[in-house]
Amino acid sequence: MKTIVSLFLFLFSAVTLSAQIVERPIETFYEPNQPKHVYYKDVNHLLNKYVGSWEYTNGGHYFKITFTKHTAVRETPVANTKITIYTDRLVGNYQYRLNGIDIYNINNDDFALSTSGAFAFDGFSIFFDEPSSNPCGRRIMGDVNLIYSNTNGVEQINWNRTNIDWGRNCNPSDQTPFIIPANMVLTKT
């Protein structure tokens, strides 16, 4: 009986230990050899400076984005159910007007996923997609590099988008270009 209890305790301990979540800084998200059960936490508060509303106005273009920080969001690994990943991330809602007419008013927490990008000291990258009426979506995706700056108390984000071919296999995919400017300087409001 003692052997059975000992074996049960050993197996219970092994299962419990193997499922423990390891906490890692969010900036290590893309480092190799990560644990299978991990929480990429914003321990160095890299995301905090992006939280809030940011605006851009130039001629007839008006763009406003509001970032909020969500903590311990469960991610769904692609094709691997034996991995548990949690992350802190920024999510964004945005509005875009052209010549005073609302083109987009996106209130969708899945718009901007900060953990989709790589971190740098003063910025990071996100994937960006404008809405499409086509059920296949757009063929191109935006890779946006966000660089934060604070000069004399004026906080700004440089938004620089590069288009990448998303390679969607759905036909016909939306081939229309993005409307929102590729390069903007947004100021915190």
N, C-alpha and C. Protein backbone atom coordinates (compact mmCIF):
# COMPACT_ATOMS: atom_id res chain seq x y z
N MET A 1 0.82 -1.19 0.00
CA MET A 1 0.00 0.00 0.00
C MET A 1 0.87 1.26 0.00
N LYS A 2 1.96 1.20 0.77
CA LYS A 2 2.87 2.34 0.85
C LYS A 2 3.48 2.63 -0.53
N THR A 3 3.79 1.59 -1.30
CA THR A 3 4.35 1.74 -2.64
C THR A 3 3.35 2.40 -3.57
N ILE A 4 2.08 2.04 -3.47
CA ILE A 4 1.04 2.63 -4.33
C ILE A 4 0.87 4.11 -4.00
N VAL A 5 0.84 4.45 -2.73
CA VAL A 5 0.70 5.85 -2.32
C VAL A 5 1.91 6.65 -2.79
N SER A 6 3.10 6.08 -2.65
CA SER A 6 4.32 6.77 -3.08
C SER A 6 4.31 6.98 -4.60
N LEU A 7 3.88 5.95 -5.33
CA LEU A 7 3.80 6.07 -6.78
C LEU A 7 2.79 7.14 -7.18
N PHE A 8 1.64 7.15 -6.53
CA PHE A 8 0.61 8.16 -6.81
C PHE A 8 1.14 9.56 -6.54
N LEU A 9 1.81 9.75 -5.41
CA LEU A 9 2.37 11.07 -5.08
C LEU A 9 3.43 11.49 -6.09
N PHE A 10 4.25 10.55 -6.53
CA PHE A 10 5.27 10.86 -7.53
C PHE A 10 4.63 11.30 -8.84
N LEU A 11 3.65 10.55 -9.31
CA LEU A 11 2.97 10.90 -10.57
C LEU A 11 2.23 12.22 -10.44
N PHE A 12 1.57 12.44 -9.32
CA PHE A 12 0.86 13.71 -9.11
C PHE A 12 1.84 14.87 -9.13
N SER A 13 2.98 14.72 -8.47
CA SER A 13 4.00 15.78 -8.44
C SER A 13 4.55 16.04 -9.84
N ALA A 14 4.80 14.97 -10.60
CA ALA A 14 5.35 15.13 -11.95
C ALA A 14 4.38 15.87 -12.85
N VAL A 15 3.10 15.53 -12.77
CA VAL A 15 2.09 16.21 -13.60
C VAL A 15 1.96 17.66 -13.16
N THR A 16 1.93 17.91 -11.87
CA THR A 16 1.79 19.26 -11.36
C THR A 16 2.98 20.12 -11.76
N LEU A 17 4.18 19.61 -11.61
CA LEU A 17 5.37 20.38 -11.94
C LEU A 17 5.48 20.65 -13.44
N SER A 18 5.09 19.67 -14.26
CA SER A 18 5.21 19.86 -15.70
C SER A 18 4.21 20.88 -16.22
N ALA A 19 3.14 21.13 -15.49
CA ALA A 19 2.12 22.07 -15.95
C ALA A 19 2.27 23.45 -15.33
N GLN A 20 3.30 23.66 -14.52
CA GLN A 20 3.48 24.96 -13.90
C GLN A 20 3.87 26.00 -14.95
N ILE A 21 3.33 27.18 -14.77
CA ILE A 21 3.59 28.28 -15.69
C ILE A 21 4.86 29.00 -15.26
N VAL A 22 5.79 29.15 -16.20
CA VAL A 22 7.03 29.88 -15.96
C VAL A 22 6.81 31.32 -16.43
N GLU A 23 7.19 32.26 -15.61
CA GLU A 23 7.04 33.67 -15.97
C GLU A 23 8.33 34.16 -16.61
N ARG A 24 8.18 34.79 -17.79
CA ARG A 24 9.33 35.33 -18.53
C ARG A 24 9.01 36.76 -18.95
N PRO A 25 10.02 37.62 -19.09
CA PRO A 25 9.76 38.97 -19.59
C PRO A 25 9.22 38.91 -21.01
N ILE A 26 8.30 39.79 -21.32
CA ILE A 26 7.65 39.79 -22.63
C ILE A 26 8.64 39.99 -23.77
N GLU A 27 9.73 40.68 -23.52
CA GLU A 27 10.71 40.92 -24.57
C GLU A 27 11.48 39.65 -24.96
N THR A 28 11.29 38.55 -24.23
CA THR A 28 11.94 37.28 -24.57
C THR A 28 11.02 36.40 -25.41
N PHE A 29 9.91 36.94 -25.89
CA PHE A 29 8.89 36.15 -26.59
C PHE A 29 9.46 35.33 -27.74
N TYR A 30 10.38 35.88 -28.50
CA TYR A 30 10.90 35.18 -29.67
C TYR A 30 12.25 34.49 -29.44
N GLU A 31 12.68 34.42 -28.22
CA GLU A 31 13.94 33.72 -27.96
C GLU A 31 13.73 32.22 -28.11
N PRO A 32 14.77 31.51 -28.55
CA PRO A 32 14.62 30.05 -28.73
C PRO A 32 14.56 29.32 -27.39
N ASN A 33 14.14 28.07 -27.45
CA ASN A 33 14.12 27.16 -26.30
C ASN A 33 13.29 27.69 -25.13
N GLN A 34 12.08 28.11 -25.43
CA GLN A 34 11.18 28.60 -24.39
C GLN A 34 10.47 27.42 -23.71
N PRO A 35 10.03 27.61 -22.47
CA PRO A 35 9.28 26.55 -21.80
C PRO A 35 7.92 26.33 -22.47
N LYS A 36 7.33 25.17 -22.24
CA LYS A 36 6.05 24.85 -22.86
C LYS A 36 4.88 25.54 -22.18
N HIS A 37 5.03 25.88 -20.92
CA HIS A 37 3.97 26.55 -20.17
C HIS A 37 4.55 27.86 -19.65
N VAL A 38 4.20 28.95 -20.30
CA VAL A 38 4.89 30.21 -20.03
C VAL A 38 3.92 31.38 -20.02
N TYR A 39 4.24 32.37 -19.20
CA TYR A 39 3.52 33.64 -19.16
C TYR A 39 4.52 34.73 -19.49
N TYR A 40 4.37 35.34 -20.66
CA TYR A 40 5.23 36.46 -21.06
C TYR A 40 4.64 37.73 -20.47
N LYS A 41 5.23 38.14 -19.36
CA LYS A 41 4.70 39.25 -18.57
C LYS A 41 5.51 40.52 -18.83
N ASP A 42 4.82 41.63 -18.83
CA ASP A 42 5.46 42.93 -19.04
C ASP A 42 6.11 43.40 -17.74
N VAL A 43 7.10 42.65 -17.28
CA VAL A 43 7.73 42.94 -15.99
C VAL A 43 8.51 44.25 -16.02
N ASN A 44 8.97 44.67 -17.18
CA ASN A 44 9.75 45.91 -17.29
C ASN A 44 8.89 47.08 -17.75
N HIS A 45 7.59 46.88 -17.81
CA HIS A 45 6.61 47.94 -18.12
C HIS A 45 6.86 48.59 -19.48
N LEU A 46 7.26 47.79 -20.45
CA LEU A 46 7.52 48.31 -21.80
C LEU A 46 6.23 48.77 -22.49
N LEU A 47 5.12 48.13 -22.17
CA LEU A 47 3.86 48.46 -22.85
C LEU A 47 3.17 49.70 -22.27
N ASN A 48 3.47 50.04 -21.03
CA ASN A 48 2.74 51.11 -20.35
C ASN A 48 2.77 52.46 -21.07
N LYS A 49 3.90 52.78 -21.68
CA LYS A 49 4.01 54.09 -22.34
C LYS A 49 3.11 54.20 -23.57
N TYR A 50 2.65 53.07 -24.11
CA TYR A 50 1.77 53.09 -25.28
C TYR A 50 0.29 53.18 -24.91
N VAL A 51 -0.04 52.90 -23.65
CA VAL A 51 -1.43 52.91 -23.22
C VAL A 51 -1.99 54.33 -23.32
N GLY A 52 -3.17 54.44 -23.89
CA GLY A 52 -3.82 55.74 -24.04
C GLY A 52 -4.22 55.99 -25.48
N SER A 53 -4.65 57.22 -25.74
CA SER A 53 -5.12 57.61 -27.08
C SER A 53 -4.06 58.44 -27.79
N TRP A 54 -3.95 58.18 -29.08
CA TRP A 54 -2.96 58.83 -29.94
C TRP A 54 -3.66 59.32 -31.20
N GLU A 55 -3.31 60.53 -31.67
CA GLU A 55 -3.97 61.10 -32.85
C GLU A 55 -2.98 61.58 -33.89
N TYR A 56 -3.46 61.53 -35.13
CA TYR A 56 -2.71 62.04 -36.28
C TYR A 56 -3.70 62.82 -37.14
N THR A 57 -3.31 64.04 -37.55
CA THR A 57 -4.11 64.84 -38.47
C THR A 57 -3.18 65.43 -39.50
N ASN A 58 -3.54 65.26 -40.78
CA ASN A 58 -2.74 65.84 -41.85
C ASN A 58 -3.66 66.00 -43.06
N GLY A 59 -3.93 67.26 -43.43
CA GLY A 59 -4.85 67.50 -44.55
C GLY A 59 -6.21 66.89 -44.22
N GLY A 60 -6.71 66.05 -45.09
CA GLY A 60 -8.01 65.42 -44.86
C GLY A 60 -7.93 64.14 -44.05
N HIS A 61 -6.73 63.72 -43.66
CA HIS A 61 -6.57 62.47 -42.90
C HIS A 61 -6.67 62.73 -41.40
N TYR A 62 -7.48 61.91 -40.72
CA TYR A 62 -7.55 61.92 -39.26
C TYR A 62 -7.53 60.46 -38.80
N PHE A 63 -6.60 60.14 -37.92
CA PHE A 63 -6.47 58.79 -37.39
C PHE A 63 -6.30 58.88 -35.89
N LYS A 64 -7.09 58.10 -35.17
CA LYS A 64 -6.98 58.04 -33.71
C LYS A 64 -6.97 56.58 -33.31
N ILE A 65 -6.01 56.23 -32.46
CA ILE A 65 -5.93 54.87 -31.95
C ILE A 65 -5.82 54.93 -30.43
N THR A 66 -6.52 54.01 -29.78
CA THR A 66 -6.47 53.91 -28.33
C THR A 66 -5.99 52.52 -27.96
N PHE A 67 -4.86 52.48 -27.26
CA PHE A 67 -4.30 51.22 -26.79
C PHE A 67 -4.67 51.00 -25.33
N THR A 68 -5.05 49.79 -24.99
CA THR A 68 -5.23 49.38 -23.60
C THR A 68 -4.35 48.15 -23.38
N LYS A 69 -3.96 47.96 -22.14
CA LYS A 69 -3.10 46.83 -21.80
C LYS A 69 -3.95 45.75 -21.14
N HIS A 70 -3.84 44.55 -21.67
CA HIS A 70 -4.51 43.39 -21.10
C HIS A 70 -3.43 42.47 -20.55
N THR A 71 -3.67 41.92 -19.36
CA THR A 71 -2.66 41.08 -18.74
C THR A 71 -3.11 39.61 -18.72
N ALA A 72 -2.14 38.75 -18.77
CA ALA A 72 -2.34 37.29 -18.68
C ALA A 72 -3.41 36.79 -19.65
N VAL A 73 -3.31 37.20 -20.91
CA VAL A 73 -4.25 36.77 -21.95
C VAL A 73 -3.80 35.41 -22.46
N ARG A 74 -4.72 34.46 -22.46
CA ARG A 74 -4.39 33.11 -22.93
C ARG A 74 -4.30 33.11 -24.45
N GLU A 75 -3.17 32.66 -24.97
CA GLU A 75 -2.95 32.57 -26.40
C GLU A 75 -3.26 31.15 -26.85
N THR A 76 -3.58 31.00 -28.10
CA THR A 76 -3.84 29.69 -28.67
C THR A 76 -2.70 29.32 -29.60
N PRO A 77 -1.82 28.43 -29.17
CA PRO A 77 -0.72 28.03 -30.05
C PRO A 77 -1.25 27.32 -31.30
N VAL A 78 -0.61 27.55 -32.40
CA VAL A 78 -1.01 26.94 -33.65
C VAL A 78 -0.64 25.45 -33.62
N ALA A 79 -1.64 24.61 -33.76
CA ALA A 79 -1.47 23.16 -33.91
C ALA A 79 -0.70 22.48 -32.78
N ASN A 80 -0.70 23.06 -31.59
CA ASN A 80 -0.03 22.40 -30.48
C ASN A 80 -0.82 22.64 -29.21
N THR A 81 -1.60 21.67 -28.83
CA THR A 81 -2.44 21.81 -27.65
C THR A 81 -1.71 21.47 -26.37
N LYS A 82 -0.45 21.06 -26.46
CA LYS A 82 0.32 20.72 -25.27
C LYS A 82 1.13 21.90 -24.75
N ILE A 83 0.89 23.06 -25.31
CA ILE A 83 1.60 24.26 -24.91
C ILE A 83 0.59 25.25 -24.33
N THR A 84 0.96 25.88 -23.22
CA THR A 84 0.11 26.90 -22.61
C THR A 84 0.88 28.21 -22.60
N ILE A 85 0.33 29.23 -23.26
CA ILE A 85 0.99 30.52 -23.34
C ILE A 85 0.03 31.60 -22.89
N TYR A 86 0.51 32.44 -21.98
CA TYR A 86 -0.20 33.65 -21.57
C TYR A 86 0.70 34.83 -21.88
N THR A 87 0.11 35.96 -22.24
CA THR A 87 0.91 37.15 -22.51
C THR A 87 0.20 38.38 -22.00
N ASP A 88 0.98 39.40 -21.71
CA ASP A 88 0.45 40.75 -21.56
C ASP A 88 0.51 41.32 -22.96
N ARG A 89 -0.46 42.11 -23.32
CA ARG A 89 -0.43 42.66 -24.67
C ARG A 89 -1.23 43.95 -24.73
N LEU A 90 -0.91 44.71 -25.75
CA LEU A 90 -1.69 45.90 -26.07
C LEU A 90 -2.76 45.50 -27.05
N VAL A 91 -3.93 46.06 -26.87
CA VAL A 91 -4.99 45.90 -27.87
C VAL A 91 -5.42 47.30 -28.26
N GLY A 92 -5.83 47.45 -29.50
CA GLY A 92 -6.13 48.78 -29.99
C GLY A 92 -7.45 48.88 -30.70
N ASN A 93 -8.09 50.01 -30.49
CA ASN A 93 -9.29 50.39 -31.23
C ASN A 93 -8.94 51.66 -31.99
N TYR A 94 -9.45 51.79 -33.21
CA TYR A 94 -9.07 52.98 -33.96
C TYR A 94 -10.22 53.53 -34.78
N GLN A 95 -10.02 54.80 -35.14
CA GLN A 95 -10.97 55.51 -36.00
C GLN A 95 -10.16 56.20 -37.10
N TYR A 96 -10.66 56.11 -38.32
CA TYR A 96 -10.01 56.79 -39.43
C TYR A 96 -11.07 57.55 -40.21
N ARG A 97 -10.79 58.85 -40.42
CA ARG A 97 -11.67 59.71 -41.22
C ARG A 97 -10.87 60.27 -42.38
N LEU A 98 -11.54 60.38 -43.51
CA LEU A 98 -10.94 61.01 -44.69
C LEU A 98 -11.87 62.12 -45.11
N ASN A 99 -11.34 63.35 -45.10
CA ASN A 99 -12.13 64.55 -45.44
C ASN A 99 -13.42 64.63 -44.62
N GLY A 100 -13.31 64.31 -43.32
CA GLY A 100 -14.44 64.43 -42.40
C GLY A 100 -15.44 63.29 -42.44
N ILE A 101 -15.21 62.30 -43.27
CA ILE A 101 -16.13 61.16 -43.39
C ILE A 101 -15.51 59.94 -42.71
N ASP A 102 -16.28 59.32 -41.80
CA ASP A 102 -15.80 58.10 -41.13
C ASP A 102 -15.62 56.99 -42.15
N ILE A 103 -14.40 56.48 -42.25
CA ILE A 103 -14.10 55.35 -43.11
C ILE A 103 -14.08 54.07 -42.26
N TYR A 104 -13.36 54.12 -41.15
CA TYR A 104 -13.29 52.99 -40.22
C TYR A 104 -13.53 53.49 -38.81
N ASN A 105 -14.24 52.70 -38.03
CA ASN A 105 -14.38 52.92 -36.60
C ASN A 105 -14.35 51.54 -35.97
N ILE A 106 -13.16 51.09 -35.67
CA ILE A 106 -12.92 49.71 -35.26
C ILE A 106 -12.82 49.63 -33.75
N ASN A 107 -13.75 48.91 -33.16
CA ASN A 107 -13.73 48.66 -31.73
C ASN A 107 -13.57 47.15 -31.56
N ASN A 108 -12.36 46.69 -31.78
CA ASN A 108 -12.10 45.26 -31.83
C ASN A 108 -10.79 44.98 -31.12
N ASP A 109 -10.87 44.29 -30.01
CA ASP A 109 -9.68 44.03 -29.21
C ASP A 109 -8.64 43.17 -29.92
N ASP A 110 -8.99 42.53 -30.99
CA ASP A 110 -8.02 41.70 -31.69
C ASP A 110 -7.27 42.47 -32.77
N PHE A 111 -7.50 43.77 -32.88
CA PHE A 111 -6.84 44.55 -33.93
C PHE A 111 -5.33 44.53 -33.79
N ALA A 112 -4.85 44.89 -32.63
CA ALA A 112 -3.40 45.03 -32.48
C ALA A 112 -2.90 44.12 -31.39
N LEU A 113 -2.06 43.21 -31.75
CA LEU A 113 -1.51 42.28 -30.77
C LEU A 113 -0.03 42.58 -30.63
N SER A 114 0.31 43.17 -29.52
CA SER A 114 1.70 43.59 -29.36
C SER A 114 2.66 42.42 -29.33
N THR A 115 2.19 41.24 -28.87
CA THR A 115 3.10 40.11 -28.82
C THR A 115 3.31 39.50 -30.18
N SER A 116 2.62 40.03 -31.19
CA SER A 116 2.87 39.55 -32.55
C SER A 116 4.16 40.12 -33.09
N GLY A 117 4.70 41.08 -32.41
CA GLY A 117 5.88 41.74 -32.93
C GLY A 117 7.08 41.56 -32.05
N ALA A 118 8.17 42.08 -32.52
CA ALA A 118 9.43 42.00 -31.78
C ALA A 118 9.66 43.31 -31.06
N PHE A 119 10.20 43.24 -29.86
CA PHE A 119 10.45 44.43 -29.08
C PHE A 119 11.83 44.99 -29.34
N ALA A 120 11.91 46.30 -29.30
CA ALA A 120 13.18 47.00 -29.30
C ALA A 120 13.16 47.89 -28.05
N PHE A 121 14.22 48.59 -27.80
CA PHE A 121 14.29 49.41 -26.60
C PHE A 121 13.20 50.48 -26.59
N ASP A 122 12.95 51.10 -27.73
CA ASP A 122 12.01 52.22 -27.78
C ASP A 122 10.80 51.93 -28.67
N GLY A 123 10.56 50.68 -29.02
CA GLY A 123 9.42 50.40 -29.87
C GLY A 123 9.20 48.92 -30.06
N PHE A 124 8.22 48.62 -30.88
CA PHE A 124 7.94 47.23 -31.23
C PHE A 124 7.13 47.21 -32.52
N SER A 125 6.91 46.01 -33.03
CA SER A 125 6.16 45.85 -34.27
C SER A 125 4.86 45.12 -34.01
N ILE A 126 3.84 45.47 -34.79
CA ILE A 126 2.56 44.77 -34.74
C ILE A 126 2.12 44.46 -36.16
N PHE A 127 1.24 43.49 -36.30
CA PHE A 127 0.60 43.26 -37.58
C PHE A 127 -0.67 44.09 -37.63
N PHE A 128 -0.98 44.62 -38.81
CA PHE A 128 -2.11 45.52 -38.97
C PHE A 128 -2.86 45.14 -40.23
N ASP A 129 -4.17 45.13 -40.14
CA ASP A 129 -5.01 44.80 -41.28
C ASP A 129 -6.20 45.74 -41.28
N GLU A 130 -6.47 46.38 -42.41
CA GLU A 130 -7.67 47.20 -42.53
C GLU A 130 -8.84 46.30 -42.88
N PRO A 131 -10.04 46.70 -42.48
CA PRO A 131 -11.22 45.88 -42.79
C PRO A 131 -11.42 45.72 -44.30
N SER A 132 -12.07 44.63 -44.65
CA SER A 132 -12.37 44.33 -46.04
C SER A 132 -13.78 43.77 -46.11
N SER A 133 -14.51 44.14 -47.15
CA SER A 133 -15.84 43.58 -47.35
C SER A 133 -15.78 42.19 -47.99
N ASN A 134 -14.60 41.81 -48.44
CA ASN A 134 -14.38 40.52 -49.07
C ASN A 134 -14.26 39.45 -47.97
N PRO A 135 -15.03 38.36 -48.05
CA PRO A 135 -14.92 37.31 -47.03
C PRO A 135 -13.53 36.67 -46.96
N CYS A 136 -12.78 36.74 -48.03
CA CYS A 136 -11.41 36.21 -48.03
C CYS A 136 -10.43 37.14 -47.34
N GLY A 137 -10.80 38.40 -47.16
CA GLY A 137 -9.90 39.36 -46.55
C GLY A 137 -8.87 39.89 -47.54
N ARG A 138 -7.99 40.71 -47.04
CA ARG A 138 -6.93 41.30 -47.86
C ARG A 138 -5.80 40.32 -48.07
N ARG A 139 -5.18 40.42 -49.22
CA ARG A 139 -4.00 39.60 -49.48
C ARG A 139 -2.78 40.17 -48.78
N ILE A 140 -2.74 41.49 -48.63
CA ILE A 140 -1.59 42.11 -47.96
C ILE A 140 -1.91 42.34 -46.49
N MET A 141 -0.86 42.35 -45.70
CA MET A 141 -0.95 42.64 -44.27
C MET A 141 0.08 43.72 -44.00
N GLY A 142 -0.23 44.57 -43.05
CA GLY A 142 0.72 45.60 -42.68
C GLY A 142 1.59 45.14 -41.51
N ASP A 143 2.87 45.35 -41.64
CA ASP A 143 3.81 45.14 -40.54
C ASP A 143 4.18 46.54 -40.07
N VAL A 144 3.64 46.93 -38.91
CA VAL A 144 3.79 48.30 -38.43
C VAL A 144 4.86 48.36 -37.34
N ASN A 145 5.84 49.22 -37.56
CA ASN A 145 6.86 49.47 -36.56
C ASN A 145 6.45 50.72 -35.79
N LEU A 146 6.26 50.57 -34.48
CA LEU A 146 5.86 51.69 -33.62
C LEU A 146 7.07 52.11 -32.79
N ILE A 147 7.48 53.36 -32.95
CA ILE A 147 8.62 53.88 -32.20
C ILE A 147 8.13 55.02 -31.30
N TYR A 148 8.33 54.86 -30.02
CA TYR A 148 7.88 55.83 -29.01
C TYR A 148 8.97 56.87 -28.79
N SER A 149 8.52 58.12 -28.61
CA SER A 149 9.45 59.18 -28.22
C SER A 149 8.74 60.15 -27.27
N ASN A 150 9.54 60.78 -26.43
CA ASN A 150 9.03 61.78 -25.50
C ASN A 150 10.03 62.93 -25.52
N THR A 151 9.66 64.03 -26.17
CA THR A 151 10.52 65.18 -26.28
C THR A 151 9.86 66.35 -25.57
N ASN A 152 10.50 66.83 -24.51
CA ASN A 152 9.97 67.95 -23.72
C ASN A 152 8.53 67.71 -23.27
N GLY A 153 8.23 66.47 -22.89
CA GLY A 153 6.90 66.15 -22.38
C GLY A 153 5.86 65.85 -23.45
N VAL A 154 6.23 65.96 -24.73
CA VAL A 154 5.30 65.64 -25.82
C VAL A 154 5.57 64.19 -26.23
N GLU A 155 4.59 63.33 -25.95
CA GLU A 155 4.74 61.91 -26.29
C GLU A 155 4.22 61.66 -27.69
N GLN A 156 5.03 60.95 -28.48
CA GLN A 156 4.64 60.64 -29.85
C GLN A 156 5.01 59.20 -30.20
N ILE A 157 4.30 58.68 -31.19
CA ILE A 157 4.61 57.37 -31.76
C ILE A 157 4.80 57.56 -33.26
N ASN A 158 5.93 57.11 -33.76
CA ASN A 158 6.12 57.04 -35.21
C ASN A 158 5.53 55.73 -35.68
N TRP A 159 4.60 55.81 -36.61
CA TRP A 159 3.90 54.65 -37.18
C TRP A 159 4.44 54.46 -38.58
N ASN A 160 5.14 53.37 -38.82
CA ASN A 160 5.71 53.09 -40.14
C ASN A 160 5.27 51.69 -40.58
N ARG A 161 4.42 51.67 -41.61
CA ARG A 161 3.87 50.40 -42.09
C ARG A 161 4.58 49.94 -43.36
N THR A 162 4.95 48.69 -43.37
CA THR A 162 5.46 48.01 -44.56
C THR A 162 4.43 46.96 -44.94
N ASN A 163 4.09 46.89 -46.21
CA ASN A 163 3.12 45.90 -46.66
C ASN A 163 3.83 44.58 -46.94
N ILE A 164 3.22 43.50 -46.48
CA ILE A 164 3.75 42.16 -46.75
C ILE A 164 2.65 41.33 -47.38
N ASP A 165 3.03 40.44 -48.25
CA ASP A 165 2.07 39.55 -48.90
C ASP A 165 1.69 38.47 -47.90
N TRP A 166 0.44 38.47 -47.50
CA TRP A 166 -0.05 37.55 -46.50
C TRP A 166 -0.22 36.14 -47.08
N GLY A 167 -0.35 36.06 -48.41
CA GLY A 167 -0.41 34.78 -49.09
C GLY A 167 -1.66 33.98 -48.81
N ARG A 168 -2.77 34.65 -48.60
CA ARG A 168 -4.01 33.92 -48.35
C ARG A 168 -4.37 33.09 -49.57
N ASN A 169 -4.81 31.89 -49.33
CA ASN A 169 -5.16 30.98 -50.42
C ASN A 169 -6.60 31.11 -50.88
N CYS A 170 -7.36 31.94 -50.21
CA CYS A 170 -8.76 32.12 -50.55
C CYS A 170 -8.87 32.96 -51.83
N ASN A 171 -9.76 32.60 -52.72
CA ASN A 171 -9.94 33.36 -53.97
C ASN A 171 -11.35 33.88 -54.07
N PRO A 172 -11.54 35.05 -54.55
CA PRO A 172 -10.50 36.06 -54.81
C PRO A 172 -10.27 36.87 -53.53
N SER A 173 -9.02 37.07 -53.18
CA SER A 173 -8.71 37.90 -52.02
C SER A 173 -8.78 39.37 -52.41
N ASP A 174 -8.94 40.22 -51.41
CA ASP A 174 -9.06 41.66 -51.62
C ASP A 174 -7.70 42.21 -52.03
N GLN A 175 -7.62 42.80 -53.20
CA GLN A 175 -6.36 43.35 -53.73
C GLN A 175 -6.26 44.87 -53.56
N THR A 176 -7.27 45.49 -52.95
CA THR A 176 -7.26 46.95 -52.82
C THR A 176 -6.16 47.40 -51.85
N PRO A 177 -5.58 48.56 -52.11
CA PRO A 177 -4.52 49.05 -51.22
C PRO A 177 -5.10 49.56 -49.90
N PHE A 178 -4.23 49.68 -48.92
CA PHE A 178 -4.62 50.29 -47.65
C PHE A 178 -5.00 51.75 -47.88
N ILE A 179 -5.91 52.25 -47.07
CA ILE A 179 -6.33 53.65 -47.15
C ILE A 179 -5.58 54.48 -46.11
N ILE A 180 -5.41 53.93 -44.93
CA ILE A 180 -4.73 54.65 -43.84
C ILE A 180 -3.27 54.87 -44.24
N PRO A 181 -2.75 56.09 -44.04
CA PRO A 181 -1.36 56.37 -44.43
C PRO A 181 -0.37 55.39 -43.81
N ALA A 182 0.66 55.08 -44.56
CA ALA A 182 1.67 54.13 -44.13
C ALA A 182 2.61 54.72 -43.08
N ASN A 183 2.83 56.03 -43.15
CA ASN A 183 3.76 56.69 -42.23
C ASN A 183 3.07 57.88 -41.58
N MET A 184 3.03 57.82 -40.24
CA MET A 184 2.37 58.89 -39.49
C MET A 184 3.13 59.13 -38.20
N VAL A 185 3.00 60.33 -37.66
CA VAL A 185 3.49 60.65 -36.32
C VAL A 185 2.25 60.95 -35.50
N LEU A 186 1.96 60.10 -34.53
CA LEU A 186 0.79 60.25 -33.68
C LEU A 186 1.20 60.87 -32.36
N THR A 187 0.38 61.78 -31.87
CA THR A 187 0.66 62.48 -30.61
C THR A 187 -0.34 62.01 -29.56
N LYS A 188 0.15 61.80 -28.35
CA LYS A 188 -0.70 61.34 -27.25
C LYS A 188 -1.65 62.47 -26.85
N THR A 189 -2.91 62.12 -26.67
CA THR A 189 -3.91 63.14 -26.29
C THR A 189 -4.28 63.00 -24.83
